[in-house]
Each structure stands twice: as structure tokens, then as C-alpha cells.
Amino acid sequence: MYEDISFVKELANTKRTITEQEEEFINKTRKSRATFYRYRKKLGLRSKHKRFEYGGSIKEICYFCLNKATLIHHINQNRKDNQKENLIPLCKGCHTKIHRVLNTIKYQKMRTHSLTT
């Protein structure tokens, strides 16, 4: 286990993307993707997006309420799509509200669909 954690630390110090690091970890150790991110969390490397660049400047404030941004939201809900246009910095409260609304809409669509069929 300790060798694996030190391997994750070595990978983090390279110039590879997080996806490339993940693939190399899985191929070399034969452990899961979840294990890779668990080790990153133990090492304090939890966030994939340490800073959010937007238009050349770094935004560390919530897009909606101007509090400190602690999360990055993927607009199209695809976690692998890390293009600048798809990411917005949010505080935890605003991020929760967005997902609550999205889940409500999804539930209403399912309910409407099941009533019509």
C-alpha cells in the first residue's frame, strides 16, 4: 500500500494529465480508479482543478454568490469534459442548489413519462 501511495505522489510531480496518471497507476498496480483517487486524497491532492482559469485570470469566487469557490461544476454534467467553457467555480451551497434543481427536473421527467405510458 505504501509503495502505491508513493507512486501516486511521483505521478503527481510529473507533467502528465490527471487522466494519464490514473491510467498509469491502474496499469502498473492493477488497482481501481477509486483507489487512485483515495490515495490522492490522502496526499492532499484531492482536487483535480486546483485553480480555475477563465479568460486568462484565475477565479476563486463563486459564479453566483461571490463567496469563495470550493468546487468546480461541469455544466454539461460530464466529468471528463474539462474544457474551460464547461466549468464554473461554485461554493458548496450553490453547487448543492444546482444539483437539487437538476435532480428535481430529472424526477419530474421520469414521473411524467411513467404516467403517459
N, C-alpha and C. Protein backbone atom coordinates (compact mmCIF):
# COMPACT_ATOMS: atom_id res chain seq x y z
N MET A 1 0.82 -1.19 0.00
CA MET A 1 0.00 0.00 0.00
C MET A 1 0.86 1.26 0.00
N TYR A 2 1.90 1.29 0.84
CA TYR A 2 2.74 2.49 0.93
C TYR A 2 3.50 2.73 -0.36
N GLU A 3 3.86 1.65 -1.06
CA GLU A 3 4.53 1.83 -2.35
C GLU A 3 3.58 2.47 -3.35
N ASP A 4 2.30 2.06 -3.29
CA ASP A 4 1.31 2.62 -4.21
C ASP A 4 1.09 4.10 -3.95
N ILE A 5 1.02 4.48 -2.68
CA ILE A 5 0.83 5.89 -2.33
C ILE A 5 2.02 6.72 -2.80
N SER A 6 3.22 6.19 -2.61
CA SER A 6 4.40 6.94 -3.06
C SER A 6 4.44 7.02 -4.59
N PHE A 7 3.91 5.99 -5.26
CA PHE A 7 3.84 6.01 -6.72
C PHE A 7 2.88 7.11 -7.18
N VAL A 8 1.74 7.27 -6.49
CA VAL A 8 0.79 8.33 -6.82
C VAL A 8 1.45 9.69 -6.62
N LYS A 9 2.25 9.82 -5.57
CA LYS A 9 2.95 11.08 -5.31
C LYS A 9 3.95 11.38 -6.43
N GLU A 10 4.66 10.35 -6.89
CA GLU A 10 5.60 10.52 -8.01
C GLU A 10 4.86 10.97 -9.26
N LEU A 11 3.72 10.33 -9.54
CA LEU A 11 2.94 10.69 -10.73
C LEU A 11 2.46 12.14 -10.66
N ALA A 12 2.09 12.57 -9.46
CA ALA A 12 1.59 13.94 -9.29
C ALA A 12 2.67 14.97 -9.60
N ASN A 13 3.92 14.60 -9.41
CA ASN A 13 5.03 15.53 -9.66
C ASN A 13 5.46 15.56 -11.12
N THR A 14 4.83 14.74 -11.95
CA THR A 14 5.15 14.75 -13.38
C THR A 14 4.27 15.77 -14.08
N LYS A 15 4.53 15.98 -15.35
CA LYS A 15 3.73 16.94 -16.13
C LYS A 15 2.59 16.26 -16.86
N ARG A 16 2.28 15.03 -16.48
CA ARG A 16 1.19 14.30 -17.13
C ARG A 16 -0.16 14.81 -16.65
N THR A 17 -1.16 14.62 -17.48
CA THR A 17 -2.52 14.99 -17.08
C THR A 17 -3.02 14.00 -16.03
N ILE A 18 -4.07 14.38 -15.34
CA ILE A 18 -4.62 13.51 -14.30
C ILE A 18 -5.10 12.18 -14.91
N THR A 19 -5.63 12.23 -16.12
CA THR A 19 -6.11 11.02 -16.79
C THR A 19 -4.94 10.09 -17.11
N GLU A 20 -3.84 10.65 -17.58
CA GLU A 20 -2.66 9.84 -17.88
C GLU A 20 -2.09 9.23 -16.60
N GLN A 21 -2.08 10.01 -15.51
CA GLN A 21 -1.61 9.50 -14.23
C GLN A 21 -2.48 8.33 -13.77
N GLU A 22 -3.78 8.52 -13.90
CA GLU A 22 -4.74 7.49 -13.49
C GLU A 22 -4.51 6.20 -14.28
N GLU A 23 -4.38 6.32 -15.60
CA GLU A 23 -4.16 5.14 -16.45
C GLU A 23 -2.88 4.41 -16.07
N GLU A 24 -1.80 5.16 -15.86
CA GLU A 24 -0.54 4.53 -15.50
C GLU A 24 -0.64 3.83 -14.15
N PHE A 25 -1.30 4.44 -13.19
CA PHE A 25 -1.48 3.83 -11.87
C PHE A 25 -2.25 2.52 -11.98
N ILE A 26 -3.35 2.54 -12.73
CA ILE A 26 -4.17 1.33 -12.88
C ILE A 26 -3.40 0.24 -13.59
N ASN A 27 -2.67 0.59 -14.65
CA ASN A 27 -1.90 -0.41 -15.40
C ASN A 27 -0.77 -1.02 -14.58
N LYS A 28 -0.09 -0.19 -13.80
CA LYS A 28 1.06 -0.68 -13.04
C LYS A 28 0.66 -1.45 -11.78
N THR A 29 -0.34 -0.94 -11.06
CA THR A 29 -0.69 -1.54 -9.77
C THR A 29 -1.85 -2.53 -9.85
N ARG A 30 -2.61 -2.48 -10.95
CA ARG A 30 -3.81 -3.31 -11.11
C ARG A 30 -4.85 -3.02 -10.04
N LYS A 31 -4.88 -1.77 -9.58
CA LYS A 31 -5.89 -1.35 -8.60
C LYS A 31 -6.89 -0.45 -9.29
N SER A 32 -7.97 -0.16 -8.61
CA SER A 32 -9.09 0.56 -9.23
C SER A 32 -8.84 2.06 -9.32
N ARG A 33 -9.69 2.68 -10.12
CA ARG A 33 -9.68 4.14 -10.27
C ARG A 33 -10.00 4.80 -8.93
N ALA A 34 -10.95 4.21 -8.20
CA ALA A 34 -11.34 4.75 -6.89
C ALA A 34 -10.15 4.74 -5.93
N THR A 35 -9.34 3.70 -5.99
CA THR A 35 -8.15 3.62 -5.13
C THR A 35 -7.17 4.73 -5.47
N PHE A 36 -7.00 5.00 -6.76
CA PHE A 36 -6.12 6.08 -7.20
C PHE A 36 -6.54 7.41 -6.57
N TYR A 37 -7.85 7.72 -6.64
CA TYR A 37 -8.33 8.99 -6.10
C TYR A 37 -8.34 9.00 -4.57
N ARG A 38 -8.51 7.84 -3.95
CA ARG A 38 -8.43 7.75 -2.49
C ARG A 38 -7.01 8.08 -2.03
N TYR A 39 -6.00 7.56 -2.73
CA TYR A 39 -4.60 7.87 -2.40
C TYR A 39 -4.30 9.33 -2.65
N ARG A 40 -4.84 9.89 -3.74
CA ARG A 40 -4.63 11.33 -4.00
C ARG A 40 -5.20 12.16 -2.86
N LYS A 41 -6.36 11.75 -2.35
CA LYS A 41 -6.99 12.48 -1.24
C LYS A 41 -6.11 12.41 0.01
N LYS A 42 -5.55 11.23 0.29
CA LYS A 42 -4.66 11.08 1.46
C LYS A 42 -3.44 11.97 1.36
N LEU A 43 -2.98 12.19 0.14
CA LEU A 43 -1.80 13.02 -0.09
C LEU A 43 -2.14 14.51 -0.19
N GLY A 44 -3.41 14.84 -0.05
CA GLY A 44 -3.81 16.24 -0.16
C GLY A 44 -3.90 16.71 -1.60
N LEU A 45 -4.04 15.79 -2.53
CA LEU A 45 -4.12 16.11 -3.96
C LEU A 45 -5.53 15.89 -4.46
N ARG A 46 -6.49 16.08 -3.61
CA ARG A 46 -7.87 15.70 -3.90
C ARG A 46 -8.46 16.41 -5.10
N SER A 47 -8.25 17.68 -5.21
CA SER A 47 -8.90 18.45 -6.26
C SER A 47 -8.22 18.25 -7.60
N LYS A 48 -9.01 17.96 -8.62
CA LYS A 48 -8.48 17.87 -9.97
C LYS A 48 -8.23 19.26 -10.52
N HIS A 49 -9.01 20.22 -10.05
CA HIS A 49 -8.93 21.58 -10.55
C HIS A 49 -8.47 22.48 -9.41
N LYS A 50 -7.16 22.57 -9.21
CA LYS A 50 -6.65 23.38 -8.11
C LYS A 50 -7.00 24.84 -8.29
N ARG A 51 -6.92 25.32 -9.51
CA ARG A 51 -7.28 26.69 -9.82
C ARG A 51 -8.11 26.68 -11.08
N PHE A 52 -8.97 27.63 -11.17
CA PHE A 52 -9.85 27.71 -12.32
C PHE A 52 -9.48 28.92 -13.15
N GLU A 53 -9.03 28.69 -14.36
CA GLU A 53 -8.65 29.79 -15.24
C GLU A 53 -9.82 30.12 -16.14
N TYR A 54 -10.12 31.38 -16.23
CA TYR A 54 -11.19 31.82 -17.09
C TYR A 54 -10.79 33.14 -17.71
N GLY A 55 -10.60 33.12 -18.99
CA GLY A 55 -10.22 34.35 -19.70
C GLY A 55 -8.87 34.89 -19.26
N GLY A 56 -7.94 34.01 -18.89
CA GLY A 56 -6.61 34.43 -18.52
C GLY A 56 -6.44 34.77 -17.05
N SER A 57 -7.55 34.98 -16.32
CA SER A 57 -7.42 35.27 -14.89
C SER A 57 -7.95 34.09 -14.08
N ILE A 58 -7.50 33.99 -12.88
CA ILE A 58 -7.90 32.87 -12.03
C ILE A 58 -9.08 33.31 -11.16
N LYS A 59 -10.17 32.55 -11.23
CA LYS A 59 -11.36 32.87 -10.46
C LYS A 59 -11.44 31.92 -9.27
N GLU A 60 -11.45 32.46 -8.09
CA GLU A 60 -11.60 31.64 -6.90
C GLU A 60 -12.84 32.04 -6.13
N ILE A 61 -13.77 32.69 -6.84
CA ILE A 61 -15.03 33.08 -6.21
C ILE A 61 -16.19 32.40 -6.93
N CYS A 62 -17.26 32.18 -6.19
CA CYS A 62 -18.44 31.51 -6.72
C CYS A 62 -19.06 32.34 -7.85
N TYR A 63 -19.44 31.69 -8.90
CA TYR A 63 -20.03 32.34 -10.06
C TYR A 63 -21.33 33.07 -9.71
N PHE A 64 -22.09 32.54 -8.73
CA PHE A 64 -23.40 33.11 -8.40
C PHE A 64 -23.39 34.06 -7.21
N CYS A 65 -22.78 33.65 -6.09
CA CYS A 65 -22.94 34.43 -4.86
C CYS A 65 -21.68 35.20 -4.43
N LEU A 66 -20.59 35.01 -5.14
CA LEU A 66 -19.32 35.70 -4.88
C LEU A 66 -18.63 35.27 -3.58
N ASN A 67 -19.07 34.16 -2.97
CA ASN A 67 -18.33 33.58 -1.86
C ASN A 67 -17.12 32.84 -2.42
N LYS A 68 -16.28 32.32 -1.55
CA LYS A 68 -15.11 31.58 -2.01
C LYS A 68 -15.55 30.29 -2.70
N ALA A 69 -15.05 30.06 -3.89
CA ALA A 69 -15.38 28.85 -4.65
C ALA A 69 -14.55 27.69 -4.12
N THR A 70 -15.23 26.60 -3.81
CA THR A 70 -14.53 25.41 -3.32
C THR A 70 -14.71 24.23 -4.27
N LEU A 71 -15.63 24.37 -5.23
CA LEU A 71 -15.92 23.28 -6.17
C LEU A 71 -15.96 23.81 -7.59
N ILE A 72 -15.75 22.89 -8.52
CA ILE A 72 -15.88 23.20 -9.93
C ILE A 72 -17.05 22.39 -10.46
N HIS A 73 -18.00 23.06 -11.10
CA HIS A 73 -19.18 22.39 -11.65
C HIS A 73 -19.02 22.19 -13.14
N HIS A 74 -19.33 20.99 -13.62
CA HIS A 74 -19.32 20.69 -15.04
C HIS A 74 -20.72 21.00 -15.58
N ILE A 75 -20.83 21.99 -16.42
CA ILE A 75 -22.12 22.45 -16.91
C ILE A 75 -22.89 21.34 -17.61
N ASN A 76 -22.22 20.57 -18.46
CA ASN A 76 -22.91 19.51 -19.19
C ASN A 76 -22.96 18.19 -18.40
N GLN A 77 -22.54 18.22 -17.16
CA GLN A 77 -22.56 17.09 -16.23
C GLN A 77 -21.68 15.92 -16.67
N ASN A 78 -20.73 16.18 -17.56
CA ASN A 78 -19.78 15.17 -17.99
C ASN A 78 -18.45 15.46 -17.29
N ARG A 79 -18.10 14.65 -16.31
CA ARG A 79 -16.88 14.88 -15.50
C ARG A 79 -15.60 14.82 -16.31
N LYS A 80 -15.64 14.17 -17.45
CA LYS A 80 -14.42 14.05 -18.26
C LYS A 80 -14.23 15.23 -19.20
N ASP A 81 -15.25 16.07 -19.35
CA ASP A 81 -15.16 17.24 -20.22
C ASP A 81 -14.67 18.44 -19.41
N ASN A 82 -13.36 18.64 -19.41
CA ASN A 82 -12.74 19.70 -18.61
C ASN A 82 -12.35 20.93 -19.42
N GLN A 83 -13.09 21.21 -20.48
CA GLN A 83 -12.84 22.42 -21.24
C GLN A 83 -13.31 23.63 -20.42
N LYS A 84 -12.62 24.76 -20.58
CA LYS A 84 -12.95 25.97 -19.82
C LYS A 84 -14.42 26.35 -19.95
N GLU A 85 -14.97 26.19 -21.15
CA GLU A 85 -16.36 26.58 -21.40
C GLU A 85 -17.35 25.73 -20.61
N ASN A 86 -16.93 24.55 -20.16
CA ASN A 86 -17.82 23.63 -19.45
C ASN A 86 -17.69 23.73 -17.93
N LEU A 87 -16.78 24.54 -17.44
CA LEU A 87 -16.51 24.59 -16.00
C LEU A 87 -16.87 25.95 -15.40
N ILE A 88 -17.49 25.91 -14.21
CA ILE A 88 -17.72 27.15 -13.48
C ILE A 88 -17.38 26.92 -12.01
N PRO A 89 -16.71 27.89 -11.38
CA PRO A 89 -16.39 27.76 -9.95
C PRO A 89 -17.62 28.06 -9.10
N LEU A 90 -17.86 27.23 -8.08
CA LEU A 90 -19.02 27.42 -7.20
C LEU A 90 -18.65 27.17 -5.75
N CYS A 91 -19.41 27.80 -4.85
CA CYS A 91 -19.29 27.44 -3.43
C CYS A 91 -20.14 26.19 -3.23
N LYS A 92 -20.00 25.55 -2.07
CA LYS A 92 -20.71 24.31 -1.83
C LYS A 92 -22.23 24.51 -1.85
N GLY A 93 -22.72 25.63 -1.29
CA GLY A 93 -24.15 25.89 -1.25
C GLY A 93 -24.77 26.01 -2.64
N CYS A 94 -24.15 26.79 -3.50
CA CYS A 94 -24.68 26.97 -4.86
C CYS A 94 -24.60 25.67 -5.66
N HIS A 95 -23.52 24.91 -5.46
CA HIS A 95 -23.37 23.63 -6.15
C HIS A 95 -24.48 22.67 -5.74
N THR A 96 -24.80 22.65 -4.45
CA THR A 96 -25.88 21.79 -3.95
C THR A 96 -27.21 22.22 -4.55
N LYS A 97 -27.46 23.54 -4.60
CA LYS A 97 -28.72 24.04 -5.16
C LYS A 97 -28.87 23.63 -6.62
N ILE A 98 -27.81 23.76 -7.39
CA ILE A 98 -27.86 23.39 -8.81
C ILE A 98 -28.24 21.92 -8.96
N HIS A 99 -27.59 21.06 -8.20
CA HIS A 99 -27.87 19.62 -8.32
C HIS A 99 -29.26 19.28 -7.78
N ARG A 100 -29.72 20.00 -6.80
CA ARG A 100 -31.08 19.77 -6.29
C ARG A 100 -32.09 20.09 -7.39
N VAL A 101 -31.91 21.20 -8.08
CA VAL A 101 -32.81 21.58 -9.18
C VAL A 101 -32.72 20.56 -10.31
N LEU A 102 -31.50 20.16 -10.69
CA LEU A 102 -31.33 19.18 -11.77
C LEU A 102 -31.99 17.86 -11.43
N ASN A 103 -31.85 17.41 -10.17
CA ASN A 103 -32.47 16.16 -9.75
C ASN A 103 -33.99 16.26 -9.75
N THR A 104 -34.53 17.41 -9.37
CA THR A 104 -35.98 17.62 -9.38
C THR A 104 -36.51 17.55 -10.80
N ILE A 105 -35.82 18.20 -11.73
CA ILE A 105 -36.23 18.18 -13.13
C ILE A 105 -36.19 16.76 -13.67
N LYS A 106 -35.12 16.03 -13.36
CA LYS A 106 -34.97 14.66 -13.82
C LYS A 106 -36.11 13.78 -13.27
N TYR A 107 -36.45 13.95 -11.98
CA TYR A 107 -37.52 13.19 -11.35
C TYR A 107 -38.86 13.50 -12.01
N GLN A 108 -39.13 14.80 -12.28
CA GLN A 108 -40.38 15.18 -12.90
C GLN A 108 -40.52 14.61 -14.30
N LYS A 109 -39.42 14.57 -15.05
CA LYS A 109 -39.45 13.98 -16.39
C LYS A 109 -39.77 12.49 -16.32
N MET A 110 -39.12 11.79 -15.36
CA MET A 110 -39.37 10.36 -15.20
C MET A 110 -40.84 10.12 -14.82
N ARG A 111 -41.34 10.93 -13.91
CA ARG A 111 -42.72 10.77 -13.43
C ARG A 111 -43.71 11.04 -14.54
N THR A 112 -43.49 12.10 -15.31
CA THR A 112 -44.36 12.43 -16.43
C THR A 112 -44.34 11.32 -17.47
N HIS A 113 -43.16 10.80 -17.75
CA HIS A 113 -43.01 9.73 -18.73
C HIS A 113 -43.75 8.46 -18.27
N SER A 114 -43.64 8.12 -16.99
CA SER A 114 -44.28 6.90 -16.50
C SER A 114 -45.80 7.04 -16.45
N LEU A 115 -46.32 8.26 -16.29
CA LEU A 115 -47.76 8.48 -16.27
C LEU A 115 -48.36 8.41 -17.67
N THR A 116 -47.57 8.76 -18.68
CA THR A 116 -48.08 8.78 -20.05
C THR A 116 -47.97 7.42 -20.73
N THR A 117 -47.18 6.52 -20.17
CA THR A 117 -47.03 5.20 -20.80
C THR A 117 -47.84 4.15 -20.11
